[in-house]
Amino acid sequence: MKKRCIENAPPSMLINELSKLFNDRMRQRTEAMGMAEGWRRILFHLKHNEHLTQLELVKKTHLSAPAVSVNLQKMEAAGLVSRENDPEDQRAILVRLTEQGHEADRKVIGAIRQTEQEMLAGITPEELEQIRPILLKMIRNFTEEGME
């Protein structure tokens, strides 16, 4: 197999490669826990909000509406989320984590920490402090903050 040379790749390709490698490793770990690919993002956003509508989850997770719907059905069957009609808007469905969902999120956070430790092996705190502002600038260049 031909070894890929990334030494001279542009930053965008390096960022993309790193993101893919991280996500692949996380997918392997979460699948070993019995979780589908999209669950990690849904868990994250529900943990940081008391409840969200399915539409809000679509916007926050960047998953398609059908993917969110299917994932929520499976997550509800697994006891990780509950869904109920919004008392203020009967057309909307509110989704919240169950206690089992909170426990699943704690396991995912442990897997994220483990994966991040592997990724950052051999990188000094000083090196991290150098790259963090650069990465934040790149993110802001693509967000509304960077477009002001």
Protein backbone atom coordinates (compact mmCIF):
# COMPACT_ATOMS: atom_id res chain seq x y z
CA MET A 1 0.00 0.00 0.00
CA LYS A 2 1.32 3.41 -0.94
CA LYS A 3 2.02 5.66 2.03
CA ARG A 4 0.27 9.02 1.81
CA CYS A 5 2.51 12.05 2.06
CA ILE A 6 0.86 14.75 4.11
CA GLU A 7 3.93 16.75 5.08
CA ASN A 8 3.33 19.32 2.33
CA ALA A 9 -0.46 19.23 2.33
CA PRO A 10 -2.30 22.55 2.77
CA PRO A 11 -3.74 23.30 6.24
CA SER A 12 -7.29 22.62 5.04
CA MET A 13 -6.37 19.06 4.08
CA LEU A 14 -4.58 18.49 7.38
CA ILE A 15 -7.58 19.75 9.35
CA ASN A 16 -9.91 17.58 7.29
CA GLU A 17 -7.70 14.50 7.76
CA LEU A 18 -7.44 15.05 11.51
CA SER A 19 -11.19 15.54 11.81
CA LYS A 20 -11.86 12.36 9.84
CA LEU A 21 -9.42 10.32 11.93
CA PHE A 22 -10.90 11.65 15.19
CA ASN A 23 -14.47 11.00 14.06
CA ASP A 24 -13.60 7.50 12.83
CA ARG A 25 -12.04 6.66 16.20
CA MET A 26 -15.05 8.08 18.05
CA ARG A 27 -17.46 6.16 15.81
CA GLN A 28 -15.60 2.93 16.62
CA ARG A 29 -15.76 3.64 20.34
CA THR A 30 -19.41 4.68 20.43
CA GLU A 31 -20.45 1.74 18.24
CA ALA A 32 -18.66 -0.54 20.73
CA MET A 33 -20.97 1.01 23.35
CA GLY A 34 -24.00 0.15 21.20
CA MET A 35 -24.59 3.68 19.93
CA ALA A 36 -25.21 4.72 16.33
CA GLU A 37 -23.15 7.46 14.66
CA GLY A 38 -25.57 10.38 15.11
CA TRP A 39 -26.32 9.72 18.77
CA ARG A 40 -23.17 11.42 20.03
CA ARG A 41 -24.19 14.80 18.61
CA ILE A 42 -27.77 14.46 19.80
CA LEU A 43 -26.64 13.52 23.32
CA PHE A 44 -24.29 16.52 23.42
CA HIS A 45 -26.96 19.06 22.51
CA LEU A 46 -29.62 17.57 24.76
CA LYS A 47 -27.21 17.53 27.69
CA HIS A 48 -26.61 21.26 27.26
CA ASN A 49 -30.31 22.09 26.91
CA GLU A 50 -33.22 21.00 29.12
CA HIS A 51 -35.14 20.03 26.01
CA LEU A 52 -35.07 20.72 22.29
CA THR A 53 -37.51 20.25 19.45
CA GLN A 54 -36.61 17.89 16.64
CA LEU A 55 -36.18 20.90 14.35
CA GLU A 56 -33.73 22.49 16.80
CA LEU A 57 -31.79 19.22 16.89
CA VAL A 58 -31.61 19.21 13.09
CA LYS A 59 -30.13 22.72 13.13
CA LYS A 60 -27.70 22.10 16.00
CA THR A 61 -26.44 18.66 14.94
CA HIS A 62 -26.25 19.39 11.19
CA LEU A 63 -27.97 16.04 10.60
CA SER A 64 -30.87 15.75 8.16
CA ALA A 65 -34.42 15.80 9.49
CA PRO A 66 -34.98 12.14 8.56
CA ALA A 67 -31.69 11.14 10.25
CA VAL A 68 -32.66 12.95 13.46
CA SER A 69 -36.13 11.37 13.40
CA VAL A 70 -34.77 7.83 12.90
CA ASN A 71 -32.04 8.33 15.51
CA LEU A 72 -34.55 9.66 18.04
CA GLN A 73 -36.84 6.67 17.47
CA LYS A 74 -33.92 4.33 18.17
CA MET A 75 -32.70 6.38 21.12
CA GLU A 76 -36.21 6.40 22.60
CA ALA A 77 -36.47 2.60 22.16
CA ALA A 78 -33.10 2.31 23.96
CA GLY A 79 -34.42 4.46 26.82
CA LEU A 80 -32.01 7.36 26.23
CA VAL A 81 -34.53 10.07 25.36
CA SER A 82 -38.17 10.85 25.90
CA ARG A 83 -40.39 12.77 23.53
CA GLU A 84 -43.54 14.68 24.37
CA ASN A 85 -45.77 17.28 22.77
CA ASP A 86 -44.82 20.87 23.51
CA PRO A 87 -47.61 22.22 25.75
CA GLU A 88 -47.28 25.62 24.08
CA ASP A 89 -47.23 24.30 20.49
CA GLN A 90 -48.92 20.94 19.94
CA ARG A 91 -47.24 20.62 16.53
CA ALA A 92 -43.79 20.54 18.12
CA ILE A 93 -42.23 17.57 19.91
CA LEU A 94 -39.88 18.24 22.81
CA VAL A 95 -37.00 15.84 23.30
CA ARG A 96 -35.11 15.44 26.57
CA LEU A 97 -32.54 13.06 27.99
CA THR A 98 -33.61 10.36 30.41
CA GLU A 99 -31.34 9.33 33.29
CA GLN A 100 -30.13 6.51 31.06
CA GLY A 101 -29.38 9.13 28.38
CA HIS A 102 -27.31 11.14 30.87
CA GLU A 103 -25.36 7.97 31.72
CA ALA A 104 -24.75 7.29 28.01
CA ASP A 105 -23.51 10.87 27.63
CA ARG A 106 -21.06 10.36 30.51
CA LYS A 107 -19.69 7.28 28.73
CA VAL A 108 -19.32 9.22 25.48
CA ILE A 109 -17.48 12.01 27.32
CA GLY A 110 -15.07 9.38 28.68
CA ALA A 111 -14.48 8.08 25.15
CA ILE A 112 -13.92 11.63 23.89
CA ARG A 113 -11.35 12.27 26.62
CA GLN A 114 -9.56 9.03 25.82
CA THR A 115 -9.51 9.80 22.09
CA GLU A 116 -8.34 13.35 22.72
CA GLN A 117 -5.49 12.08 24.93
CA GLU A 118 -4.38 9.79 22.10
CA MET A 119 -4.56 12.65 19.61
CA LEU A 120 -2.60 15.02 21.84
CA ALA A 121 0.12 12.53 22.86
CA GLY A 122 3.53 14.20 22.66
CA ILE A 123 2.09 17.70 22.27
CA THR A 124 3.17 20.15 24.94
CA PRO A 125 0.81 22.55 26.71
CA GLU A 126 2.77 25.39 25.08
CA GLU A 127 2.14 23.94 21.60
CA LEU A 128 -1.55 23.66 22.39
CA GLU A 129 -1.67 27.27 23.50
CA GLN A 130 -0.07 28.30 20.19
CA ILE A 131 -2.51 26.42 17.98
CA ARG A 132 -5.75 27.19 19.87
CA PRO A 133 -5.99 30.88 18.83
CA ILE A 134 -5.20 29.98 15.23
CA LEU A 135 -7.93 27.34 15.12
CA LEU A 136 -10.40 29.76 16.72
CA LYS A 137 -9.60 32.38 14.07
CA MET A 138 -10.23 29.80 11.34
CA ILE A 139 -13.57 28.88 12.89
CA ARG A 140 -14.55 32.54 13.22
CA ASN A 141 -13.71 33.07 9.56
CA PHE A 142 -16.55 30.69 8.71
CA THR A 143 -19.03 31.87 11.34
CA GLU A 144 -21.12 34.98 11.69
CA GLU A 145 -18.58 36.40 14.13
CA GLY A 146 -15.98 36.39 11.37
CA MET A 147 -18.34 38.01 8.87
CA GLU A 148 -19.02 41.17 10.85
